[in-house]
C-alpha cells in the first residue's frame, strides 16, 4: 500500500489524486475543472495528468487577476420603460347542464 507523499515531495507530473491534494480541493472538483478546461491538464491515455509547474503558473496568474480591480461594466444611461404587452382574456368554457 502506498503512503501519501509529504507536501514537498510532489512529483512534476501528478495524477488527479496527488494534484487535488496539492491544490487542496476534492478530486471530483479537480476532475470537473480539468474537463471544463478551467485548469491546465492533459490526458495520458484516459487519465488526467497535471504538471506541477503549470499548476503553479496557473495559480500565480489566478491570484494576480484577483488582486487587480475589475473593470465595471457600463451602466445604461436611462432605461426606457417597457411597452405593456396586450393581454387577451381567456374565454370561459360553458358548463355542461346536469345530466
Protein backbone atom coordinates (compact mmCIF):
# COMPACT_ATOMS: atom_id res chain seq x y z
CA UNK A 1 0.00 0.00 0.00
CA UNK A 2 1.35 3.42 -0.94
CA UNK A 3 1.61 6.21 1.56
CA UNK A 4 0.74 9.75 0.54
CA UNK A 5 3.78 11.91 -0.19
CA UNK A 6 4.85 14.72 2.08
CA UNK A 7 3.87 18.23 0.94
CA UNK A 8 7.29 18.98 -0.60
CA UNK A 9 7.62 15.59 -2.34
CA UNK A 10 5.04 16.12 -5.09
CA UNK A 11 6.18 14.91 -8.48
CA UNK A 12 6.32 17.14 -11.54
CA UNK A 13 3.55 15.11 -13.23
CA UNK A 14 0.73 14.23 -10.87
CA UNK A 15 -2.44 12.17 -11.18
CA UNK A 16 -5.78 13.57 -10.10
CA UNK A 17 -5.40 12.38 -6.52
CA UNK A 18 -1.97 13.94 -5.98
CA UNK A 19 -2.94 17.15 -7.79
CA UNK A 20 -6.11 17.52 -5.72
CA UNK A 21 -4.05 17.10 -2.54
CA UNK A 22 -1.55 19.65 -3.85
CA UNK A 23 -4.28 22.19 -4.65
CA UNK A 24 -6.35 21.43 -1.56
CA UNK A 25 -9.57 20.63 -3.45
CA UNK A 26 -11.55 17.44 -3.88
CA UNK A 27 -10.71 15.07 -6.75
CA UNK A 28 -14.27 15.47 -8.08
CA UNK A 29 -13.89 19.26 -8.29
CA UNK A 30 -10.49 18.94 -9.95
CA UNK A 31 -11.90 16.46 -12.48
CA UNK A 32 -14.66 18.94 -13.37
CA UNK A 33 -12.15 21.82 -13.69
CA UNK A 34 -9.93 19.71 -15.97
CA UNK A 35 -12.87 18.55 -18.10
CA UNK A 36 -14.11 22.14 -18.49
CA UNK A 37 -10.62 23.39 -19.40
CA UNK A 38 -10.57 25.74 -16.41
CA UNK A 39 -7.31 24.34 -15.07
CA UNK A 40 -4.24 23.25 -17.11
CA UNK A 41 -4.27 19.49 -17.55
CA UNK A 42 -3.70 16.83 -20.17
CA UNK A 43 -4.81 13.28 -20.70
CA UNK A 44 -2.37 10.41 -20.80
CA UNK A 45 -4.41 7.55 -22.13
CA UNK A 46 -7.76 8.05 -20.47
CA UNK A 47 -6.41 9.56 -17.24
CA UNK A 48 -5.94 13.22 -16.37
CA UNK A 49 -2.40 14.37 -15.55
CA UNK A 50 -1.22 17.69 -14.11
CA UNK A 51 2.22 19.30 -14.30
CA UNK A 52 3.15 20.97 -11.04
CA UNK A 53 4.93 23.82 -12.80
CA UNK A 54 1.85 24.54 -14.96
CA UNK A 55 -0.40 24.46 -11.88
CA UNK A 56 1.94 26.85 -10.05
CA UNK A 57 1.89 29.24 -13.02
CA UNK A 58 -1.89 28.98 -13.27
CA UNK A 59 -2.27 29.74 -9.55
CA UNK A 60 0.05 32.75 -9.87
CA UNK A 61 -2.00 34.01 -12.81
CA UNK A 62 -5.30 33.49 -10.97
CA UNK A 63 -4.06 35.23 -7.83
CA UNK A 64 -2.71 38.22 -9.78
CA UNK A 65 -6.01 38.57 -11.65
CA UNK A 66 -7.89 38.57 -8.37
CA UNK A 67 -5.67 41.31 -6.95
CA UNK A 68 -6.38 43.71 -9.82
CA UNK A 69 -9.52 45.82 -9.69
CA UNK A 70 -12.17 44.53 -12.04
CA UNK A 71 -13.48 46.71 -14.81
CA UNK A 72 -17.02 47.74 -14.20
CA UNK A 73 -19.49 47.23 -16.98
CA UNK A 74 -21.01 50.46 -18.27
CA UNK A 75 -24.47 51.08 -16.91
CA UNK A 76 -27.19 52.17 -19.31
CA UNK A 77 -27.87 55.91 -19.01
CA UNK A 78 -31.63 55.82 -18.63
CA UNK A 79 -33.65 52.73 -19.15
CA UNK A 80 -36.64 53.06 -21.43
CA UNK A 81 -39.96 51.99 -19.94
CA UNK A 82 -41.13 48.70 -21.30
CA UNK A 83 -44.14 48.65 -23.57
CA UNK A 84 -47.05 46.91 -21.95
CA UNK A 85 -47.94 43.72 -23.70
CA UNK A 86 -51.52 43.23 -24.68
CA UNK A 87 -53.24 40.57 -22.70
CA UNK A 88 -56.05 38.60 -24.28
CA UNK A 89 -58.53 37.42 -21.64
CA UNK A 90 -59.43 33.77 -21.70
CA UNK A 91 -62.92 32.84 -22.62
CA UNK A 92 -64.83 30.83 -20.09
CA UNK A 93 -65.88 27.36 -21.05
CA UNK A 94 -69.55 26.53 -20.96
CA UNK A 95 -70.63 24.36 -18.07
CA UNK A 96 -72.49 21.26 -19.15
CA UNK A 97 -76.06 21.03 -17.93
CA UNK A 98 -76.82 18.41 -15.31
CA UNK A 99 -77.45 15.02 -16.76
